[in-house]
Amino acid sequence: MSHALQEGSAGSAAVLMLQGTASDVGKSVITAALCRIFMQDGFRTAPFKSQNMALNSYVTESGKEIGRAQGMQAEACGIVATTDMNPILIKPTGDMHSQIVVHGRPLSNMSASDYRSKYLPTAKETVMEALGRLRSQYDIVVMEGAGSPAEINLKDRDIVNMNLAGWADAPVLLVADIDRGGVFAFLVGTLELLEPHERKRVKGFIINKFRGDLSLLQPGLDWLEERTGIPVLGVLPYIPDMRLEAEDSVVLESRTRAGLASIASDIDIAVIRSPRISNFTDVDPLMAEAGVSVRFVSRAEELGMPDVIILPGTKNTIGDLGFLREQGFETAIAQVMRNGETQLVGICGGYQMLGRTLSDPSGVESSDAAEAEGLGYLPLATVFAGEKRTVRVSGTLLTECPVRVEAASSEALLPIEGYEIHMGTTQMLDHPDEQAFPLFEIQEADGVSKPEGCGAGSGRVWGTYLHGVFHNDAFRSGWLNGIRADKGLAQTGTTVAVKELKEQEFDRISATVRAHLRMDEIYGLLGKSI
């Protein structure tokens, strides 16, 4: 038995908390890296984020919904994700309202003020029970905060930053992003806005995304330690081309800007970025493919003439469909599709948009009932229902699937797997003038098979509820080769292995973090050694 397991089996797990000076400073990635390091060193490790606001979500093996970052962090630990790792998930449906998901199931739609006044006062029990279960099962729990602990207007009912650190008696590492500038002001300013007992919990600083000569930064580090009495436990270098799934659409700012430039590639894929875009990580595997460019576009004039247009998921389908029309995307897409060569693909909410009608009679997606005409490319009708479907599924590509997929093997039935997160039910309509066929046959939990997805126009237009469809290596490779064949290009014989790539990325990033953090001092904070 390892030294780590002997320590952890005796009682409650040690806890370590990462908080940030702002959103998007790298907390989620550093948490994943530390989870990986602790796991590599023989400690049973789990991630925890009490409250997460994100539109990118993850479906557990039991069919429950949590933040995507906690699912990714659980994978870094080599464990199965559970709702205890993110007991409260907030999914914005508009500027002022969100769907509140508790232990993987929707509780209700609430305004921000109602959530603070009516739910948060009762949330501590939910949070601490979940954390307690994790601490009874693991040696180390790595806790991630949200935003900044210095958000004065939110501190009185905080359940995710310093209040939680106090409840769990956790040492805190404060993370700042030097790439955005003002790193010393961020760190010192955050400390100044904390209460004295909160400042005592901060046991170290981590400066993230550093580029350049560390010797030039050292005088600032020395000043920071002398000014605050808190050690800098590491300066992490900027890690280029990270391929870990993001949960916050903030990361799309750089991807959108990069997409404005003309990129020489075999296949040009344009992903339409709507205000409430969700689970945009569906296209991550495409970004790892050689000869494929993926760009996120927010304005119709950026669309150009791509080989593929993807309408991704959204937390408010009817609202984002209105955005597409207001921004001129409906007309721009129609102009592109007249060339007869571009594929139009919809995933989840994007799939619903491709149909003929959308109806929300009970105000499921927003506070008001609504109806809308779809884009009309597929003979579908969607009605939003009160019960959310969250499930992992597997199946095969149907032989009558109209999408061109050049299979690399002789396997008769191409396997497919993914997960569904949606409130709507979609039916295929009879239409004598249009040939439309389902794409997949999937297995339900009760063993019953059913068709899924829809394709028309000789496979030029298709959609599916399956998030993660492009994470299927054989399907993705065959689909891309089908596009290459249509363009008269040579097919590729190799493909990215998504699961292997993710494991390699966990190891690459954790190796960098291990090399630049004072891990002996971090283990000391946990009362452990290796």
Protein backbone atom coordinates (compact mmCIF):
# COMPACT_ATOMS: atom_id res chain seq x y z
CA MET A 1 0.00 0.00 0.00
CA SER A 2 1.30 3.45 -0.93
CA HIS A 3 2.27 6.04 1.64
CA ALA A 4 -0.52 8.28 0.30
CA LEU A 5 -3.25 5.70 0.81
CA GLN A 6 -2.10 4.94 4.33
CA GLU A 7 -2.50 8.64 5.21
CA GLY A 8 -5.83 9.14 3.49
CA SER A 9 -7.59 6.06 4.82
CA ALA A 10 -7.54 7.31 8.41
CA GLY A 11 -10.03 10.18 8.17
CA SER A 12 -11.35 13.17 6.30
CA ALA A 13 -9.52 14.30 3.17
CA ALA A 14 -7.20 17.27 3.20
CA VAL A 15 -8.52 20.26 1.25
CA LEU A 16 -6.79 22.92 -0.82
CA MET A 17 -8.61 25.84 -2.40
CA LEU A 18 -7.70 27.87 -5.50
CA GLN A 19 -9.23 31.31 -5.79
CA GLY A 20 -8.59 33.94 -8.43
CA THR A 21 -8.19 37.67 -8.66
CA ALA A 22 -10.74 37.60 -11.51
CA SER A 23 -12.55 35.23 -13.84
CA ASP A 24 -10.54 33.42 -16.53
CA VAL A 25 -7.18 33.67 -14.74
CA GLY A 26 -6.60 29.92 -15.12
CA LYS A 27 -8.09 28.46 -11.93
CA SER A 28 -9.80 25.55 -13.69
CA VAL A 29 -6.68 24.46 -15.56
CA ILE A 30 -4.40 24.78 -12.52
CA THR A 31 -6.93 22.83 -10.46
CA ALA A 32 -6.91 20.08 -13.09
CA ALA A 33 -3.11 20.07 -13.13
CA LEU A 34 -2.87 19.79 -9.34
CA CYS A 35 -5.46 17.01 -9.40
CA ARG A 36 -3.31 15.17 -11.91
CA ILE A 37 -0.12 15.73 -9.89
CA PHE A 38 -1.68 14.48 -6.66
CA MET A 39 -3.08 11.45 -8.48
CA GLN A 40 0.32 10.71 -10.03
CA ASP A 41 1.87 10.89 -6.56
CA GLY A 42 -0.50 8.21 -5.26
CA PHE A 43 -3.22 10.26 -3.58
CA ARG A 44 -6.88 9.60 -4.24
CA THR A 45 -7.97 13.05 -5.42
CA ALA A 46 -11.25 14.72 -6.37
CA PRO A 47 -12.20 18.22 -7.59
CA PHE A 48 -14.92 20.37 -6.04
CA LYS A 49 -16.66 23.58 -7.03
CA SER A 50 -19.67 24.35 -4.88
CA GLN A 51 -21.35 26.72 -7.32
CA ASN A 52 -20.52 27.07 -10.97
CA MET A 53 -22.00 29.46 -13.52
CA ALA A 54 -21.42 27.99 -16.96
CA LEU A 55 -23.23 27.17 -20.18
CA ASN A 56 -20.78 24.40 -21.02
CA SER A 57 -21.93 21.42 -19.01
CA TYR A 58 -20.99 17.78 -18.55
CA VAL A 59 -23.29 14.78 -18.21
CA THR A 60 -22.20 12.23 -15.62
CA GLU A 61 -22.50 8.50 -16.15
CA SER A 62 -25.68 8.59 -14.07
CA GLY A 63 -27.23 11.15 -16.43
CA LYS A 64 -26.79 14.22 -14.21
CA GLU A 65 -25.56 17.65 -15.30
CA ILE A 66 -22.54 19.42 -13.76
CA GLY A 67 -20.07 22.07 -14.87
CA ARG A 68 -17.81 20.93 -17.67
CA ALA A 69 -14.67 21.97 -15.78
CA GLN A 70 -15.45 19.59 -12.92
CA GLY A 71 -16.04 16.76 -15.38
CA MET A 72 -12.70 17.52 -17.00
CA GLN A 73 -10.97 17.74 -13.61
CA ALA A 74 -12.42 14.37 -12.58
CA GLU A 75 -10.94 12.90 -15.76
CA ALA A 76 -7.58 14.39 -14.76
CA CYS A 77 -7.95 12.52 -11.46
CA GLY A 78 -8.80 9.29 -13.28
CA ILE A 79 -12.17 9.03 -11.52
CA VAL A 80 -15.84 9.06 -12.46
CA ALA A 81 -17.46 12.49 -12.11
CA THR A 82 -20.43 12.88 -9.74
CA THR A 83 -22.72 15.75 -8.83
CA ASP A 84 -20.96 16.05 -5.46
CA MET A 85 -18.11 17.66 -7.39
CA ASN A 86 -20.42 20.51 -8.49
CA PRO A 87 -23.66 20.40 -6.51
CA ILE A 88 -24.99 23.75 -7.80
CA LEU A 89 -24.82 24.74 -11.47
CA ILE A 90 -26.18 28.06 -12.75
CA LYS A 91 -27.03 28.19 -16.46
CA PRO A 92 -27.94 31.71 -17.68
CA THR A 93 -30.99 31.83 -19.95
CA GLY A 94 -30.87 35.59 -20.42
CA ASP A 95 -29.31 38.70 -18.95
CA MET A 96 -31.28 38.50 -15.69
CA HIS A 97 -32.49 34.89 -15.34
CA SER A 98 -30.82 31.51 -14.98
CA GLN A 99 -31.76 27.88 -14.67
CA ILE A 100 -30.63 26.59 -11.27
CA VAL A 101 -29.43 22.97 -11.41
CA VAL A 102 -28.99 21.22 -8.05
CA HIS A 103 -27.26 17.84 -7.97
CA GLY A 104 -27.68 17.49 -11.70
CA ARG A 105 -31.39 18.25 -11.99
CA PRO A 106 -33.13 21.58 -12.75
CA LEU A 107 -34.62 23.15 -9.64
CA SER A 108 -36.22 26.21 -11.26
CA ASN A 109 -35.57 29.31 -13.32
CA MET A 110 -34.71 32.26 -11.09
CA SER A 111 -33.77 35.88 -11.38
CA ALA A 112 -30.44 36.86 -9.89
CA SER A 113 -32.16 38.62 -7.00
CA ASP A 114 -34.44 35.66 -6.23
CA TYR A 115 -31.49 33.29 -6.29
CA ARG A 116 -29.62 35.45 -3.75
CA SER A 117 -32.59 36.11 -1.49
CA LYS A 118 -34.51 32.83 -1.67
CA TYR A 119 -32.03 30.05 -2.47
CA LEU A 120 -28.58 31.01 -1.22
CA PRO A 121 -29.60 31.19 2.46
CA THR A 122 -30.38 27.46 2.30
CA ALA A 123 -27.50 26.40 0.06
CA LYS A 124 -24.81 25.82 2.69
CA GLU A 125 -26.26 22.46 3.72
CA THR A 126 -26.29 21.21 0.12
CA VAL A 127 -22.71 22.36 -0.43
CA MET A 128 -21.23 20.99 2.78
CA GLU A 129 -22.99 17.63 2.52
CA ALA A 130 -21.53 17.16 -0.97
CA LEU A 131 -18.06 18.20 0.18
CA GLY A 132 -18.34 15.92 3.20
CA ARG A 133 -19.07 12.91 1.02
CA LEU A 134 -16.04 13.66 -1.13
CA ARG A 135 -13.81 14.10 1.92
CA SER A 136 -14.90 10.70 3.22
CA GLN A 137 -13.94 9.00 -0.05
CA TYR A 138 -10.68 10.69 -1.06
CA ASP A 139 -7.28 11.72 0.32
CA ILE A 140 -7.26 15.24 -1.17
CA VAL A 141 -10.05 17.47 -2.44
CA VAL A 142 -8.97 20.40 -4.64
CA MET A 143 -11.57 23.15 -4.35
CA GLU A 144 -12.02 25.84 -6.99
CA GLY A 145 -13.50 29.24 -6.28
CA ALA A 146 -15.44 31.42 -8.72
CA GLY A 147 -14.68 34.89 -10.04
CA SER A 148 -12.96 36.82 -7.26
CA PRO A 149 -13.30 36.63 -3.47
CA ALA A 150 -13.21 40.45 -3.42
CA GLU A 151 -16.63 40.95 -5.02
CA ILE A 152 -17.95 43.06 -2.15
CA ASN A 153 -21.56 43.03 -3.33
CA LEU A 154 -21.70 39.21 -3.18
CA LYS A 155 -19.68 38.41 -0.07
CA ASP A 156 -22.50 38.38 2.47
CA ARG A 157 -24.04 35.26 0.92
CA ASP A 158 -20.93 33.73 -0.59
CA ILE A 159 -20.91 29.94 -0.85
CA VAL A 160 -18.04 29.51 -3.31
CA ASN A 161 -15.06 31.57 -2.15
CA MET A 162 -13.92 32.70 1.31
CA ASN A 163 -17.00 31.61 3.25
CA LEU A 164 -16.55 28.12 1.84
CA ALA A 165 -12.84 28.16 2.66
CA GLY A 166 -13.77 28.97 6.24
CA TRP A 167 -16.43 26.27 6.45
CA ALA A 168 -13.94 23.70 5.13
CA ASP A 169 -10.94 25.17 7.01
CA ALA A 170 -9.05 25.21 3.71
CA PRO A 171 -5.77 26.98 2.89
CA VAL A 172 -6.17 29.24 -0.13
CA LEU A 173 -3.83 29.80 -3.06
CA LEU A 174 -4.61 33.05 -4.91
CA VAL A 175 -4.14 32.90 -8.70
CA ALA A 176 -3.49 35.97 -10.86
CA ASP A 177 -3.05 36.27 -14.64
CA ILE A 178 0.00 38.34 -15.55
CA ASP A 179 -0.87 38.18 -19.25
CA ARG A 180 -3.71 40.69 -18.77
CA GLY A 181 -1.43 43.17 -16.95
CA GLY A 182 -1.52 44.73 -13.49
CA VAL A 183 -0.73 41.49 -11.69
CA PHE A 184 0.64 43.13 -8.52
CA ALA A 185 -2.33 45.48 -8.29
CA PHE A 186 -4.69 42.51 -8.73
CA LEU A 187 -3.04 40.54 -5.94
CA VAL A 188 -2.53 43.36 -3.44
CA GLY A 189 -5.91 44.91 -4.22
CA THR A 190 -7.68 41.59 -3.69
CA LEU A 191 -5.98 41.15 -0.31
CA GLU A 192 -6.88 44.70 0.74
CA LEU A 193 -10.57 43.99 0.11
CA LEU A 194 -10.58 40.83 2.23
CA GLU A 195 -11.40 40.74 5.91
CA PRO A 196 -8.42 40.05 8.24
CA HIS A 197 -9.54 36.48 8.93
CA GLU A 198 -9.91 35.90 5.17
CA ARG A 199 -6.42 37.25 4.43
CA LYS A 200 -5.01 34.77 6.94
CA ARG A 201 -6.36 31.93 4.80
CA VAL A 202 -4.27 33.00 1.78
CA LYS A 203 -1.13 30.90 2.08
CA GLY A 204 0.46 31.54 -1.28
CA PHE A 205 0.28 33.27 -4.65
CA ILE A 206 0.42 31.67 -8.09
CA ILE A 207 1.19 33.96 -11.01
CA ASN A 208 -0.09 32.47 -14.24
CA LYS A 209 0.63 32.89 -17.99
CA PHE A 210 4.05 34.52 -17.70
CA ARG A 211 6.02 35.21 -20.88
CA GLY A 212 9.57 36.48 -20.76
CA ASP A 213 12.64 36.65 -18.56
CA LEU A 214 11.85 35.67 -14.95
CA SER A 215 14.84 37.63 -13.68
CA LEU A 216 13.12 40.84 -14.77
CA LEU A 217 10.05 39.88 -12.73
CA GLN A 218 11.98 38.88 -9.62
CA PRO A 219 12.20 42.38 -8.04
CA GLY A 220 8.41 42.57 -8.21
CA LEU A 221 8.06 39.14 -6.62
CA ASP A 222 10.42 40.14 -3.82
CA TRP A 223 8.41 43.33 -3.22
CA LEU A 224 5.13 41.39 -3.23
CA GLU A 225 6.34 38.90 -0.63
CA GLU A 226 7.76 41.69 1.58
CA ARG A 227 4.59 43.80 1.19
CA THR A 228 2.14 41.00 2.01
CA GLY A 229 4.13 38.42 3.96
CA ILE A 230 2.72 35.76 1.64
CA PRO A 231 5.05 33.61 -0.51
CA VAL A 232 4.86 33.35 -4.27
CA LEU A 233 4.62 29.57 -4.70
CA GLY A 234 5.23 29.67 -8.40
CA VAL A 235 5.24 31.57 -11.67
CA LEU A 236 3.64 29.44 -14.35
CA PRO A 237 4.67 30.05 -17.96
CA TYR A 238 2.15 30.77 -20.66
CA ILE A 239 1.23 27.37 -22.12
CA PRO A 240 0.42 27.66 -25.83
CA ASP A 241 -2.17 25.57 -27.68
CA MET A 242 -3.82 24.13 -24.59
CA ARG A 243 -6.32 21.45 -25.55
CA LEU A 244 -8.38 21.11 -22.42
CA GLU A 245 -12.07 21.83 -22.67
CA ALA A 246 -13.09 25.30 -21.55
CA GLU A 247 -16.34 26.09 -19.77
CA ASP A 248 -16.51 29.84 -20.17
CA SER A 249 -17.29 31.57 -23.47
CA VAL A 250 -14.68 34.21 -22.53
CA VAL A 251 -12.13 31.97 -24.26
CA LEU A 252 -14.02 32.48 -27.52
CA GLU A 253 -12.89 36.09 -27.69
CA SER A 254 -9.44 35.00 -28.85
CA ARG A 255 -10.84 32.29 -31.08
CA THR A 256 -13.24 34.73 -32.70
CA ARG A 257 -10.51 37.30 -33.32
CA ALA A 258 -8.24 34.62 -34.77
CA GLY A 259 -11.07 33.52 -37.02
CA LEU A 260 -11.22 36.90 -38.76
CA ALA A 261 -7.98 36.18 -40.57
CA SER A 262 -7.90 34.05 -43.70
CA ILE A 263 -6.46 30.67 -42.79
CA ALA A 264 -5.06 28.42 -45.49
CA SER A 265 -6.57 24.99 -44.96
CA ASP A 266 -8.25 22.13 -46.76
CA ILE A 267 -11.51 22.56 -44.85
CA ASP A 268 -12.89 25.86 -43.51
CA ILE A 269 -15.47 25.50 -40.71
CA ALA A 270 -17.39 28.52 -39.42
CA VAL A 271 -19.12 28.21 -36.04
CA ILE A 272 -21.77 30.83 -35.37
CA ARG A 273 -21.32 32.37 -31.94
CA SER A 274 -24.65 33.39 -30.44
CA PRO A 275 -25.05 35.26 -27.12
CA ARG A 276 -26.08 32.16 -25.15
CA ILE A 277 -23.84 29.64 -26.90
CA SER A 278 -23.37 26.44 -24.88
CA ASN A 279 -21.21 23.33 -25.09
CA PHE A 280 -19.05 24.91 -27.80
CA THR A 281 -16.42 22.31 -26.84
CA ASP A 282 -18.29 20.04 -29.27
CA VAL A 283 -16.01 21.41 -32.00
CA ASP A 284 -12.73 21.08 -30.06
CA PRO A 285 -11.70 17.83 -31.84
CA LEU A 286 -12.10 19.56 -35.20
CA MET A 287 -9.63 22.23 -34.07
CA ALA A 288 -7.03 19.53 -33.46
CA GLU A 289 -7.29 18.13 -37.00
CA ALA A 290 -4.53 18.95 -39.49
CA GLY A 291 -5.75 20.87 -42.52
CA VAL A 292 -8.94 22.00 -40.79
CA SER A 293 -9.57 25.58 -39.66
CA VAL A 294 -12.33 26.35 -37.15
CA ARG A 295 -13.37 29.94 -36.62
CA PHE A 296 -16.10 31.43 -34.44
CA VAL A 297 -18.05 34.23 -36.10
CA SER A 298 -20.25 36.79 -34.38
CA ARG A 299 -21.21 38.90 -37.42
CA ALA A 300 -22.77 37.84 -40.71
CA GLU A 301 -20.10 39.61 -42.77
CA GLU A 302 -17.48 37.33 -41.20
CA LEU A 303 -19.14 34.18 -42.53
CA GLY A 304 -17.54 34.09 -45.97
CA MET A 305 -17.93 30.91 -48.03
CA PRO A 306 -16.93 28.10 -45.65
CA ASP A 307 -17.11 24.39 -46.35
CA VAL A 308 -19.17 23.89 -43.18
CA ILE A 309 -21.39 26.15 -41.09
CA ILE A 310 -22.10 24.87 -37.57
CA LEU A 311 -24.95 26.10 -35.40
CA PRO A 312 -23.89 24.97 -31.90
CA GLY A 313 -25.89 24.48 -28.74
CA THR A 314 -27.57 27.35 -26.93
CA LYS A 315 -29.34 27.81 -23.60
CA ASN A 316 -32.10 29.86 -25.27
CA THR A 317 -32.86 28.57 -28.75
CA ILE A 318 -35.66 30.97 -29.66
CA GLY A 319 -33.77 33.96 -28.26
CA ASP A 320 -30.57 33.10 -30.14
CA LEU A 321 -32.54 32.37 -33.30
CA GLY A 322 -33.81 35.94 -33.05
CA PHE A 323 -30.20 37.11 -32.68
CA LEU A 324 -29.23 35.26 -35.89
CA ARG A 325 -32.00 37.02 -37.76
CA GLU A 326 -31.23 40.45 -36.29
CA GLN A 327 -27.55 40.09 -37.24
CA GLY A 328 -28.34 39.03 -40.82
CA PHE A 329 -27.13 35.44 -40.43
CA GLU A 330 -30.30 33.92 -41.87
CA THR A 331 -29.78 35.74 -45.17
CA ALA A 332 -26.03 35.11 -45.18
CA ILE A 333 -26.51 31.37 -44.57
CA ALA A 334 -29.09 31.20 -47.38
CA GLN A 335 -26.66 32.86 -49.77
CA VAL A 336 -23.89 30.42 -48.87
CA MET A 337 -26.15 27.39 -49.16
CA ARG A 338 -27.11 28.31 -52.72
CA ASN A 339 -23.66 27.17 -53.84
CA GLY A 340 -24.72 23.57 -53.22
CA GLU A 341 -21.35 22.72 -51.70
CA THR A 342 -21.42 23.96 -48.10
CA GLN A 343 -22.72 21.75 -45.30
CA LEU A 344 -25.01 23.23 -42.64
CA VAL A 345 -24.83 21.39 -39.32
CA GLY A 346 -26.87 21.94 -36.17
CA ILE A 347 -26.13 20.50 -32.72
CA CYS A 348 -28.79 20.52 -29.98
CA GLY A 349 -30.20 24.08 -30.03
CA GLY A 350 -28.70 24.55 -33.49
CA TYR A 351 -30.49 21.37 -34.59
CA GLN A 352 -33.78 22.79 -33.32
CA MET A 353 -33.16 26.02 -35.26
CA LEU A 354 -32.81 24.08 -38.53
CA GLY A 355 -36.43 22.88 -38.28
CA ARG A 356 -39.67 24.52 -39.34
CA THR A 357 -41.27 25.51 -36.03
CA LEU A 358 -40.28 26.04 -32.40
CA SER A 359 -42.85 26.34 -29.64
CA ASP A 360 -42.35 27.17 -25.96
CA PRO A 361 -45.95 27.35 -24.67
CA SER A 362 -45.00 27.15 -20.99
CA GLY A 363 -42.05 29.53 -21.04
CA VAL A 364 -39.55 26.73 -20.35
CA GLU A 365 -36.56 28.51 -21.92
CA SER A 366 -37.52 31.94 -20.67
CA SER A 367 -40.15 33.49 -18.46
CA ASP A 368 -42.59 34.06 -21.35
CA ALA A 369 -44.32 31.72 -23.76
CA ALA A 370 -42.94 32.01 -27.28
CA GLU A 371 -43.20 30.59 -30.76
CA ALA A 372 -40.92 31.04 -33.75
CA GLU A 373 -40.41 29.86 -37.28
CA GLY A 374 -37.22 27.89 -37.68
CA LEU A 375 -34.74 28.33 -40.50
CA GLY A 376 -36.69 25.69 -42.41
CA TYR A 377 -33.85 23.50 -43.68
CA LEU A 378 -35.16 20.30 -42.03
CA PRO A 379 -38.77 19.02 -41.71
CA LEU A 380 -38.82 19.24 -37.92
CA ALA A 381 -41.09 20.64 -35.21
CA THR A 382 -39.77 21.28 -31.69
CA VAL A 383 -41.82 21.80 -28.54
CA PHE A 384 -40.02 22.75 -25.33
CA ALA A 385 -41.03 20.52 -22.44
CA GLY A 386 -40.69 20.97 -18.70
CA GLU A 387 -38.45 17.96 -18.10
CA LYS A 388 -34.81 18.20 -19.14
CA ARG A 389 -33.27 15.20 -20.88
CA THR A 390 -29.72 14.58 -19.65
CA VAL A 391 -28.37 11.22 -20.70
CA ARG A 392 -25.33 9.52 -22.16
CA VAL A 393 -26.12 7.46 -25.25
CA SER A 394 -24.40 5.14 -27.69
CA GLY A 395 -25.40 3.62 -30.98
CA THR A 396 -24.44 3.33 -34.63
CA LEU A 397 -24.58 5.30 -37.85
CA LEU A 398 -27.63 4.23 -39.88
CA THR A 399 -27.01 2.83 -43.34
CA GLU A 400 -29.58 5.28 -44.79
CA CYS A 401 -27.86 8.27 -43.17
CA PRO A 402 -27.57 10.85 -45.98
CA VAL A 403 -24.36 12.40 -44.63
CA ARG A 404 -21.29 11.31 -46.56
CA VAL A 405 -18.98 9.45 -44.19
CA GLU A 406 -15.96 7.78 -45.74
CA ALA A 407 -15.35 4.95 -43.26
CA ALA A 408 -11.70 4.03 -42.84
CA SER A 409 -12.54 0.45 -41.87
CA SER A 410 -14.79 -2.28 -43.15
CA GLU A 411 -16.89 -2.11 -40.00
CA ALA A 412 -20.50 -2.40 -41.13
CA LEU A 413 -21.98 -0.25 -38.35
CA LEU A 414 -19.95 2.81 -37.44
CA PRO A 415 -20.19 3.30 -33.63
CA ILE A 416 -21.31 6.60 -32.15
CA GLU A 417 -21.61 7.91 -28.61
CA GLY A 418 -22.39 11.22 -26.98
CA TYR A 419 -24.66 12.90 -24.49
CA GLU A 420 -27.90 14.85 -24.63
CA ILE A 421 -28.84 17.97 -22.64
CA HIS A 422 -32.08 19.58 -23.80
CA MET A 423 -35.58 20.53 -22.74
CA GLY A 424 -37.20 20.21 -26.16
CA THR A 425 -38.73 17.26 -28.00
CA THR A 426 -38.33 17.23 -31.76
CA GLN A 427 -40.44 15.32 -34.28
CA MET A 428 -39.77 14.72 -37.96
CA LEU A 429 -42.65 15.94 -40.13
CA ASP A 430 -44.05 14.24 -43.19
CA HIS A 431 -43.15 16.24 -46.26
CA PRO A 432 -43.76 14.74 -49.72
CA ASP A 433 -41.39 17.12 -51.49
CA GLU A 434 -38.41 16.54 -49.23
CA GLN A 435 -36.25 13.48 -48.56
CA ALA A 436 -35.09 13.44 -44.95
CA PHE A 437 -33.67 10.57 -42.95
CA PRO A 438 -32.44 9.97 -39.39
CA LEU A 439 -28.68 9.77 -38.83
CA PHE A 440 -28.14 7.35 -35.96
CA GLU A 441 -29.76 4.53 -34.08
CA ILE A 442 -29.17 4.98 -30.37
CA GLN A 443 -29.81 2.73 -27.39
CA GLU A 444 -31.97 3.97 -24.54
CA ALA A 445 -31.31 3.00 -20.93
CA ASP A 446 -34.18 0.50 -21.08
CA GLY A 447 -32.59 -1.23 -24.06
CA VAL A 448 -35.03 0.19 -26.62
CA SER A 449 -33.48 1.55 -29.82
CA LYS A 450 -34.66 4.72 -31.52
CA PRO A 451 -33.60 6.85 -34.50
CA GLU A 452 -31.80 10.13 -33.76
CA GLY A 453 -30.95 13.21 -35.76
CA CYS A 454 -32.03 14.23 -39.23
CA GLY A 455 -30.34 14.87 -42.56
CA ALA A 456 -31.63 16.23 -45.86
CA GLY A 457 -30.44 17.77 -49.09
CA SER A 458 -28.18 14.82 -49.97
CA GLY A 459 -26.49 15.22 -46.61
CA ARG A 460 -25.75 18.94 -47.07
CA VAL A 461 -27.94 19.80 -44.08
CA TRP A 462 -28.02 17.70 -40.93
CA GLY A 463 -28.48 18.00 -37.23
CA THR A 464 -28.39 16.01 -34.02
CA TYR A 465 -29.05 16.29 -30.31
CA LEU A 466 -25.80 14.44 -29.60
CA HIS A 467 -23.21 16.62 -27.95
CA GLY A 468 -19.76 15.14 -28.46
CA VAL A 469 -20.60 13.82 -31.92
CA PHE A 470 -17.22 15.02 -33.24
CA HIS A 471 -15.42 13.35 -30.33
CA ASN A 472 -16.09 10.04 -32.11
CA ASP A 473 -12.79 9.51 -33.95
CA ALA A 474 -14.08 7.21 -36.70
CA PHE A 475 -17.15 9.34 -37.46
CA ARG A 476 -15.23 12.62 -37.40
CA SER A 477 -12.46 11.29 -39.64
CA GLY A 478 -14.94 9.74 -42.07
CA TRP A 479 -17.03 12.90 -42.20
CA LEU A 480 -14.01 15.11 -42.89
CA ASN A 481 -12.84 12.69 -45.59
CA GLY A 482 -16.30 12.89 -47.13
CA ILE A 483 -15.86 16.66 -47.39
CA ARG A 484 -12.39 16.20 -48.85
CA ALA A 485 -13.76 13.76 -51.42
CA ASP A 486 -16.48 16.23 -52.44
CA LYS A 487 -13.77 18.86 -52.94
CA GLY A 488 -11.55 16.53 -54.97
CA LEU A 489 -8.90 16.40 -52.24
CA ALA A 490 -6.96 13.37 -51.10
CA GLN A 491 -8.32 11.63 -48.05
CA THR A 492 -6.20 11.37 -44.92
CA GLY A 493 -5.36 8.02 -43.43
CA THR A 494 -4.79 9.24 -39.87
CA THR A 495 -7.00 10.90 -37.33
CA VAL A 496 -6.69 12.51 -33.94
CA ALA A 497 -7.40 10.11 -31.08
CA VAL A 498 -9.38 12.42 -28.79
CA LYS A 499 -9.10 10.40 -25.58
CA GLU A 500 -5.37 9.82 -26.02
CA LEU A 501 -4.85 13.49 -26.85
CA LYS A 502 -6.64 14.54 -23.67
CA GLU A 503 -4.53 12.21 -21.52
CA GLN A 504 -1.37 13.54 -23.14
CA GLU A 505 -2.56 17.09 -22.50
CA PHE A 506 -3.22 16.38 -18.82
CA ASP A 507 0.31 15.02 -18.52
CA ARG A 508 1.88 17.90 -20.47
CA ILE A 509 0.20 20.62 -18.44
CA SER A 510 0.71 18.91 -15.09
CA ALA A 511 4.41 18.44 -15.88
CA THR A 512 4.72 22.19 -16.55
CA VAL A 513 2.87 23.08 -13.37
CA ARG A 514 4.92 20.63 -11.29
CA ALA A 515 8.16 22.11 -12.66
CA HIS A 516 7.19 25.69 -11.75
CA LEU A 517 5.36 25.33 -8.44
CA ARG A 518 6.95 24.71 -5.05
CA MET A 519 5.12 21.44 -4.62
CA ASP A 520 6.87 20.59 -1.34
CA GLU A 521 5.31 23.68 0.26
CA ILE A 522 1.90 22.90 -1.22
CA TYR A 523 2.08 19.39 0.20
CA GLY A 524 3.07 20.98 3.51
CA LEU A 525 -0.15 23.00 3.50
CA LEU A 526 -2.02 19.71 3.12
CA GLY A 527 -0.10 18.02 5.90
CA LYS A 528 1.27 15.48 3.45
CA SER A 529 4.61 14.56 1.96
CA ILE A 530 5.85 12.41 -0.90
